[in-house]
Amino acid sequence: MKRNYGSSWPAVAGLTVLLIAFSACGGRTSLVIDADIAASGTTSGGASGSSANAGSGATNAGRGGSTAGGAAGLGGGGAGVAGSAGAPNPPALCAGPSLFETHEVVDVWSDPAGAFVRIEGKIFANAGKGWSVLTERKGGGVGGLTGFALGPLLFYGSFDSCGINLVERSGTSRCSGAAEPVHTHVVSDDLAHAVYGERVLVYDGVFWTQRGDALGANGEVGARQVWANENTLVVAARSGVYVARGNDQPVLQAELQPSDGSEPDFTAVWGFSDDALWVGNGKGELFEFDGKRWLRRRTAQAGECAQIRHLWGSQSQLFVASESQVFSMNSGMPSTILSLPCEEASRVWGLWGNSPQDVLIAYETGLSDSECGDIHLSHYDGTQLTPR
């Protein structure tokens, strides 16, 4: 059953230069937008007129400023008409006094029509005109945020009474499933998957149902993340990596089981196609499936912040987030985008993008480099990460 979600939001041309900073001040959370879509107005008036013709003024207003009229014509022409005043920068949005001092869930997701950030039980939305609270639910100590492109969002976790919420872009929401997944992945309008414990759920555009049998005995699997396309499904779990083709039952990948008998501890997964799959684990190792076998692409890393938290990719370029770093894999070599101190107050929270030149990273620095606040969402344009 194909769903036509539609959208009340236009595409936002300036989204690819988005930079947002979250700041907690006086017990409140502020979201400040600082980008081309909120730039100061600097457009000048029209050029001087020649002969007796008047110079024509600029008509496009700049945000946060005003445009000047054209200069007088040289041959007696009049001055150009001044452009209208620009709109002020979108103000900071305060989420109220309910921000937890210790964060449990911060996540980010975007599509061509907007950017969305989850902080605990709230979703903040920005379609290019500033931030607003889209919806809020009680609870939500686990889970995250994802969505259907140009359609509703999936707001999932340990919420009161409903674990999977379908949130329209108008802010209305309804319960989509009672289970409390730790991760979900959207394939298309009528196909998504979710995982928790030893179970995999599948969404057909209307209902969530269990996909096949449980991956193992209760308490022995510990599913963390899932990735899928129309034909392949991959689950990263505490007990290992499970891969399914078509409607087959997911199979534990023996190649990825440690030879010393230690726990595999896989924490993240992403795929580009049936034969281009990536997984990461708690040791910081990365493995790639090339269609024939699993290959180690990154060895175990020292330190307490090695765990791979997120994988995301586009156009065969993989982006990797550990506890304290974000880097991309270019021709098998890591290229650092962000590096934080390995300490309790610093953490990479979320990673998502629309293309290799349009990537959003949510992170906590442990240092207040604004008037008040240390949680940020910054934009990577393929060359550099734009700071607040």
Protein backbone atom coordinates (compact mmCIF):
# COMPACT_ATOMS: atom_id res chain seq x y z
CA MET A 1 0.00 0.00 0.00
CA LYS A 2 1.63 3.22 -1.16
CA ARG A 3 1.10 6.30 0.94
CA ASN A 4 1.08 9.79 -0.51
CA TYR A 5 2.21 11.87 2.40
CA GLY A 6 2.36 15.21 0.64
CA SER A 7 3.91 18.18 2.41
CA SER A 8 2.85 21.62 3.50
CA TRP A 9 6.48 22.77 3.51
CA PRO A 10 8.30 24.08 0.43
CA ALA A 11 11.83 22.98 -0.34
CA VAL A 12 14.36 25.21 1.40
CA ALA A 13 17.14 26.29 -0.93
CA GLY A 14 19.27 27.62 1.92
CA LEU A 15 19.19 24.42 3.95
CA THR A 16 22.60 23.35 2.70
CA VAL A 17 24.23 26.13 4.68
CA LEU A 18 22.38 25.44 7.91
CA LEU A 19 24.15 26.00 11.22
CA ILE A 20 22.30 25.83 14.49
CA ALA A 21 23.52 26.24 18.04
CA PHE A 22 21.64 25.00 21.09
CA SER A 23 22.33 26.82 24.32
CA ALA A 24 21.02 26.14 27.78
CA CYS A 25 20.74 29.38 29.72
CA GLY A 26 18.97 29.98 32.97
CA GLY A 27 17.47 26.49 32.86
CA ARG A 28 16.17 26.91 29.30
CA THR A 29 17.25 25.57 25.96
CA SER A 30 17.88 28.08 23.17
CA LEU A 31 18.11 27.24 19.49
CA VAL A 32 19.84 29.98 17.54
CA ILE A 33 19.99 29.92 13.77
CA ASP A 34 23.08 31.44 12.16
CA ALA A 35 23.15 30.84 8.42
CA ASP A 36 22.42 32.23 4.96
CA ILE A 37 18.75 31.73 5.64
CA ALA A 38 19.12 34.25 8.47
CA ALA A 39 21.87 36.47 7.09
CA SER A 40 21.98 40.23 7.50
CA GLY A 41 20.50 42.17 4.60
CA THR A 42 23.26 43.65 2.50
CA THR A 43 21.70 43.96 -0.94
CA SER A 44 22.52 47.38 -2.41
CA GLY A 45 20.40 49.58 -4.62
CA GLY A 46 20.44 49.71 -8.39
CA ALA A 47 23.30 51.14 -10.40
CA SER A 48 23.44 54.77 -11.56
CA GLY A 49 21.22 55.53 -14.51
CA SER A 50 22.74 56.59 -17.78
CA SER A 51 21.40 59.44 -19.83
CA ALA A 52 18.00 60.55 -18.56
CA ASN A 53 16.87 57.20 -17.25
CA ALA A 54 16.52 56.72 -13.53
CA GLY A 55 18.67 54.21 -11.69
CA SER A 56 16.50 51.27 -10.60
CA GLY A 57 16.63 50.32 -6.92
CA ALA A 58 17.02 46.81 -5.59
CA THR A 59 13.75 45.15 -4.69
CA ASN A 60 14.92 42.04 -2.85
CA ALA A 61 15.02 42.55 0.89
CA GLY A 62 17.86 41.12 2.92
CA ARG A 63 17.07 39.47 6.25
CA GLY A 64 17.95 41.61 9.23
CA GLY A 65 18.60 44.78 7.25
CA SER A 66 17.31 47.01 4.44
CA THR A 67 18.33 47.70 0.87
CA ALA A 68 19.40 51.05 -0.48
CA GLY A 69 17.90 52.73 -3.52
CA GLY A 70 19.81 53.23 -6.77
CA ALA A 71 22.01 56.25 -7.34
CA ALA A 72 20.79 59.19 -9.39
CA GLY A 73 21.02 58.92 -13.19
CA LEU A 74 23.96 60.74 -14.73
CA GLY A 75 21.92 62.55 -17.32
CA GLY A 76 19.36 63.87 -14.94
CA GLY A 77 17.66 60.62 -14.11
CA GLY A 78 16.13 60.25 -10.66
CA ALA A 79 17.26 57.97 -7.87
CA GLY A 80 16.27 54.35 -7.86
CA VAL A 81 13.51 53.13 -5.56
CA ALA A 82 14.78 51.77 -2.25
CA GLY A 83 14.23 48.12 -1.51
CA SER A 84 11.96 47.14 1.38
CA ALA A 85 13.37 46.41 4.81
CA GLY A 86 14.60 42.92 5.47
CA ALA A 87 12.95 40.62 8.00
CA PRO A 88 14.74 40.26 11.33
CA ASN A 89 16.75 37.17 12.06
CA PRO A 90 14.57 34.34 13.43
CA PRO A 91 14.76 34.66 17.22
CA ALA A 92 16.17 32.07 19.57
CA LEU A 93 13.64 29.47 20.62
CA CYS A 94 13.52 28.51 24.29
CA ALA A 95 12.17 25.09 25.04
CA GLY A 96 11.14 25.96 28.60
CA PRO A 97 12.59 24.84 31.92
CA SER A 98 12.23 21.12 31.25
CA LEU A 99 15.70 20.42 29.80
CA PHE A 100 17.39 17.62 31.71
CA GLU A 101 20.82 18.42 33.10
CA THR A 102 21.96 14.97 31.99
CA HIS A 103 20.99 14.29 28.38
CA GLU A 104 19.72 10.86 27.47
CA VAL A 105 18.55 11.39 23.90
CA VAL A 106 19.66 14.00 21.37
CA ASP A 107 19.17 13.17 17.70
CA VAL A 108 19.01 14.89 14.32
CA TRP A 109 17.29 14.12 11.02
CA SER A 110 16.71 16.15 7.88
CA ASP A 111 15.37 16.08 4.36
CA PRO A 112 15.22 18.71 1.57
CA ALA A 113 12.26 20.44 3.26
CA GLY A 114 13.62 20.95 6.76
CA ALA A 115 15.78 19.98 9.71
CA PHE A 116 14.56 18.31 12.89
CA VAL A 117 16.21 17.91 16.25
CA ARG A 118 15.08 15.75 19.14
CA ILE A 119 16.07 16.67 22.68
CA GLU A 120 14.63 14.15 25.12
CA GLY A 121 10.84 14.20 24.57
CA LYS A 122 10.67 17.25 22.27
CA ILE A 123 11.08 17.62 18.52
CA PHE A 124 12.20 21.00 17.21
CA ALA A 125 11.54 21.77 13.54
CA ASN A 126 12.97 24.34 11.14
CA ALA A 127 11.68 24.66 7.58
CA GLY A 128 13.85 27.70 6.91
CA LYS A 129 11.93 30.30 8.91
CA GLY A 130 13.22 29.61 12.41
CA TRP A 131 12.71 27.00 15.08
CA SER A 132 9.54 25.85 16.77
CA VAL A 133 8.52 22.91 18.92
CA LEU A 134 6.77 20.47 16.61
CA THR A 135 5.59 18.02 19.26
CA GLU A 136 6.35 16.80 22.77
CA ARG A 137 5.80 13.56 24.67
CA LYS A 138 6.53 12.39 28.18
CA GLY A 139 9.26 9.85 28.71
CA GLY A 140 11.56 8.95 25.84
CA GLY A 141 14.71 7.86 27.66
CA VAL A 142 15.81 5.69 24.71
CA GLY A 143 15.18 5.72 20.97
CA GLY A 144 15.66 8.48 18.47
CA LEU A 145 14.23 10.33 15.48
CA THR A 146 13.94 9.62 11.77
CA GLY A 147 11.38 10.24 9.06
CA PHE A 148 9.90 9.68 5.65
CA ALA A 149 11.29 12.06 3.03
CA LEU A 150 8.84 14.97 2.65
CA GLY A 151 6.45 13.07 4.89
CA PRO A 152 5.86 12.37 8.58
CA LEU A 153 8.52 11.73 11.21
CA LEU A 154 9.05 8.62 13.31
CA PHE A 155 9.47 9.66 16.93
CA TYR A 156 10.32 6.50 18.84
CA GLY A 157 11.52 5.24 22.22
CA SER A 158 10.27 4.51 25.73
CA PHE A 159 7.34 6.91 25.77
CA ASP A 160 4.27 6.67 27.95
CA SER A 161 1.65 4.43 26.27
CA CYS A 162 3.17 4.44 22.76
CA GLY A 163 6.67 3.55 21.57
CA ILE A 164 6.45 4.58 17.90
CA ASN A 165 4.76 7.86 17.04
CA LEU A 166 3.99 9.06 13.53
CA VAL A 167 4.29 12.87 13.58
CA GLU A 168 2.92 14.93 10.69
CA ARG A 169 4.67 18.17 9.82
CA SER A 170 1.68 20.08 11.04
CA GLY A 171 2.54 18.81 14.53
CA THR A 172 -0.31 16.33 14.83
CA SER A 173 0.70 12.83 15.82
CA ARG A 174 -0.75 9.40 16.35
CA CYS A 175 0.44 6.14 17.82
CA SER A 176 1.89 3.94 15.10
CA GLY A 177 3.18 1.06 17.24
CA ALA A 178 3.27 0.03 20.89
CA ALA A 179 6.78 -1.49 20.88
CA GLU A 180 9.69 0.57 22.22
CA PRO A 181 12.48 0.29 19.62
CA VAL A 182 16.03 1.46 20.16
CA HIS A 183 16.47 2.23 16.46
CA THR A 184 14.44 2.51 13.25
CA HIS A 185 15.34 2.85 9.59
CA VAL A 186 13.05 4.08 6.80
CA VAL A 187 13.41 2.55 3.35
CA SER A 188 10.42 4.06 1.52
CA ASP A 189 6.90 5.38 2.10
CA ASP A 190 5.62 1.89 2.79
CA LEU A 191 8.68 0.11 4.22
CA ALA A 192 10.57 0.69 7.46
CA HIS A 193 12.19 -1.47 10.13
CA ALA A 194 12.71 -1.19 13.87
CA VAL A 195 14.71 -3.25 16.37
CA TYR A 196 14.72 -3.86 20.10
CA GLY A 197 16.04 -6.71 22.19
CA GLU A 198 16.02 -9.80 19.98
CA ARG A 199 13.23 -8.67 17.65
CA VAL A 200 12.93 -6.99 14.26
CA LEU A 201 9.74 -5.17 13.29
CA VAL A 202 8.63 -4.25 9.77
CA TYR A 203 6.27 -1.43 8.74
CA ASP A 204 4.15 -1.78 5.58
CA GLY A 205 2.77 1.75 5.44
CA VAL A 206 -0.07 0.92 7.84
CA PHE A 207 0.97 -1.59 10.53
CA TRP A 208 4.08 -2.68 12.42
CA THR A 209 4.49 -6.46 12.67
CA GLN A 210 7.29 -8.77 13.76
CA ARG A 211 9.57 -9.82 10.93
CA GLY A 212 10.20 -13.57 11.12
CA ASP A 213 11.39 -15.26 14.28
CA ALA A 214 13.33 -13.64 17.10
CA LEU A 215 17.07 -13.33 16.43
CA GLY A 216 17.84 -15.36 19.54
CA ALA A 217 16.84 -16.04 23.10
CA ASN A 218 15.45 -13.30 25.27
CA GLY A 219 18.24 -11.10 26.63
CA GLU A 220 21.00 -12.66 24.51
CA VAL A 221 20.92 -10.50 21.36
CA GLY A 222 20.76 -6.82 22.31
CA ALA A 223 19.93 -5.26 18.94
CA ARG A 224 21.32 -1.72 18.60
CA GLN A 225 20.73 -0.52 15.01
CA VAL A 226 19.16 -1.64 11.74
CA TRP A 227 19.66 -0.75 8.08
CA ALA A 228 17.70 -2.08 5.13
CA ASN A 229 16.73 -1.61 1.51
CA GLU A 230 14.09 -3.45 -0.52
CA ASN A 231 16.08 -6.70 -0.52
CA THR A 232 18.61 -6.68 2.32
CA LEU A 233 18.33 -6.19 6.08
CA VAL A 234 21.27 -5.82 8.48
CA VAL A 235 21.11 -5.67 12.28
CA ALA A 236 24.01 -4.58 14.48
CA ALA A 237 23.71 -6.16 17.92
CA ARG A 238 25.63 -6.84 21.07
CA SER A 239 25.79 -10.50 20.00
CA GLY A 240 27.00 -9.80 16.44
CA VAL A 241 25.78 -8.82 12.98
CA TYR A 242 22.73 -10.41 11.35
CA VAL A 243 22.03 -10.24 7.60
CA ALA A 244 18.87 -11.28 5.74
CA ARG A 245 18.15 -11.41 2.00
CA GLY A 246 14.59 -11.15 0.76
CA ASN A 247 12.19 -12.68 3.29
CA ASP A 248 14.79 -15.03 4.78
CA GLN A 249 15.53 -15.15 8.48
CA PRO A 250 18.52 -12.96 9.44
CA VAL A 251 21.72 -15.00 9.78
CA LEU A 252 24.49 -14.31 12.29
CA GLN A 253 27.72 -13.47 10.43
CA ALA A 254 30.30 -15.95 11.70
CA GLU A 255 33.19 -13.99 10.13
CA LEU A 256 32.55 -11.12 12.52
CA GLN A 257 32.60 -13.20 15.70
CA PRO A 258 35.79 -12.52 17.74
CA SER A 259 38.13 -15.51 17.82
CA ASP A 260 38.93 -14.95 21.50
CA GLY A 261 35.32 -15.54 22.52
CA SER A 262 34.70 -11.95 23.64
CA GLU A 263 31.40 -10.20 23.01
CA PRO A 264 31.17 -8.83 19.44
CA ASP A 265 29.46 -5.61 20.64
CA PHE A 266 28.35 -4.17 17.29
CA THR A 267 26.82 -0.73 17.66
CA ALA A 268 26.20 0.82 14.22
CA VAL A 269 25.30 -0.15 10.65
CA TRP A 270 24.88 1.49 7.23
CA GLY A 271 24.59 0.23 3.68
CA PHE A 272 24.81 1.62 0.16
CA SER A 273 23.51 -1.49 -1.62
CA ASP A 274 23.08 -5.25 -1.15
CA ASP A 275 26.82 -5.74 -1.57
CA ALA A 276 28.17 -2.59 0.08
CA LEU A 277 27.53 -2.84 3.82
CA TRP A 278 29.33 -1.29 6.79
CA VAL A 279 29.24 -2.07 10.52
CA GLY A 280 31.07 -0.64 13.52
CA ASN A 281 31.57 -1.88 17.06
CA GLY A 282 32.37 -0.78 20.58
CA LYS A 283 36.12 -1.11 19.98
CA GLY A 284 36.05 1.42 17.15
CA GLU A 285 36.54 -1.21 14.44
CA LEU A 286 34.89 -0.84 11.04
CA PHE A 287 34.07 -3.73 8.71
CA GLU A 288 32.93 -3.58 5.09
CA PHE A 289 31.10 -6.29 3.16
CA ASP A 290 32.16 -6.09 -0.49
CA GLY A 291 29.72 -8.63 -1.88
CA LYS A 292 31.90 -11.65 -1.10
CA ARG A 293 33.34 -11.28 2.39
CA TRP A 294 33.69 -8.98 5.38
CA LEU A 295 36.89 -6.91 5.43
CA ARG A 296 38.32 -5.00 8.39
CA ARG A 297 38.71 -1.36 7.32
CA ARG A 298 39.66 0.14 10.69
CA THR A 299 41.38 -1.55 13.60
CA ALA A 300 40.44 -1.29 17.27
CA GLN A 301 41.13 2.09 18.81
CA ALA A 302 42.54 2.84 22.25
CA GLY A 303 40.62 4.80 24.87
CA GLU A 304 37.14 4.91 26.33
CA CYS A 305 35.63 6.92 23.45
CA ALA A 306 36.32 4.47 20.63
CA GLN A 307 32.76 3.15 20.25
CA ILE A 308 31.21 3.75 16.83
CA ARG A 309 27.88 5.47 17.55
CA HIS A 310 26.58 6.33 14.09
CA LEU A 311 27.19 5.52 10.45
CA TRP A 312 25.62 7.43 7.58
CA GLY A 313 26.51 7.62 3.91
CA SER A 314 25.61 8.92 0.49
CA GLN A 315 27.10 8.49 -2.99
CA SER A 316 29.45 5.80 -1.65
CA GLN A 317 30.98 8.19 0.90
CA LEU A 318 30.70 6.94 4.48
CA PHE A 319 30.53 9.24 7.51
CA VAL A 320 31.43 7.80 10.91
CA ALA A 321 30.73 9.14 14.39
CA SER A 322 32.44 7.71 17.45
CA GLU A 323 31.97 9.01 20.97
CA SER A 324 34.37 11.88 20.35
CA GLN A 325 35.08 12.08 16.61
CA VAL A 326 33.38 12.41 13.25
CA PHE A 327 35.27 11.44 10.12
CA SER A 328 34.58 10.39 6.55
CA MET A 329 36.06 7.41 4.75
CA ASN A 330 37.60 8.50 1.47
CA SER A 331 39.15 5.67 -0.54
CA GLY A 332 39.54 3.70 2.67
CA MET A 333 41.33 6.49 4.53
CA PRO A 334 39.67 8.40 7.40
CA SER A 335 39.43 12.16 7.06
CA THR A 336 38.67 13.95 10.34
CA ILE A 337 35.76 16.40 10.41
CA LEU A 338 35.31 16.91 14.15
CA SER A 339 37.41 15.93 17.15
CA LEU A 340 36.34 16.40 20.78
CA PRO A 341 38.12 15.66 24.05
CA CYS A 342 37.46 12.17 25.37
CA GLU A 343 35.66 13.18 28.54
CA GLU A 344 32.25 12.79 30.10
CA ALA A 345 31.07 16.29 29.20
CA SER A 346 31.85 15.88 25.47
CA ARG A 347 29.96 13.62 23.11
CA VAL A 348 28.85 13.27 19.50
CA TRP A 349 25.10 12.77 19.67
CA GLY A 350 23.79 12.51 16.13
CA LEU A 351 24.77 12.37 12.46
CA TRP A 352 22.57 12.69 9.38
CA GLY A 353 22.73 14.23 5.93
CA ASN A 354 21.12 14.76 2.57
CA SER A 355 24.32 14.48 0.54
CA PRO A 356 28.10 14.42 1.19
CA GLN A 357 27.97 18.22 0.97
CA ASP A 358 25.02 18.58 3.34
CA VAL A 359 25.69 16.81 6.65
CA LEU A 360 24.43 17.77 10.10
CA ILE A 361 26.28 16.79 13.29
CA ALA A 362 24.85 17.16 16.80
CA TYR A 363 27.48 17.24 19.52
CA GLU A 364 28.23 18.39 23.06
CA THR A 365 31.51 20.16 23.72
CA GLY A 366 31.55 20.39 27.51
CA LEU A 367 32.62 24.02 27.10
CA SER A 368 30.26 26.96 26.82
CA ASP A 369 31.52 28.90 23.81
CA SER A 370 28.37 31.02 23.56
CA GLU A 371 26.59 33.20 26.09
CA CYS A 372 25.28 30.02 27.67
CA GLY A 373 25.36 26.53 26.26
CA ASP A 374 27.43 23.61 25.08
CA ILE A 375 25.21 21.54 22.74
CA HIS A 376 25.56 22.32 19.06
CA LEU A 377 24.33 21.24 15.67
CA SER A 378 26.75 22.21 12.94
CA HIS A 379 26.82 21.83 9.19
CA TYR A 380 29.50 20.14 7.08
CA ASP A 381 29.59 21.23 3.44
CA GLY A 382 32.04 18.59 2.20
CA THR A 383 35.04 20.76 2.94
CA GLN A 384 34.72 22.23 6.39
CA LEU A 385 32.57 22.11 9.50
CA THR A 386 31.06 25.51 10.18
CA PRO A 387 31.33 26.40 13.89
CA ARG A 388 28.81 28.47 15.76
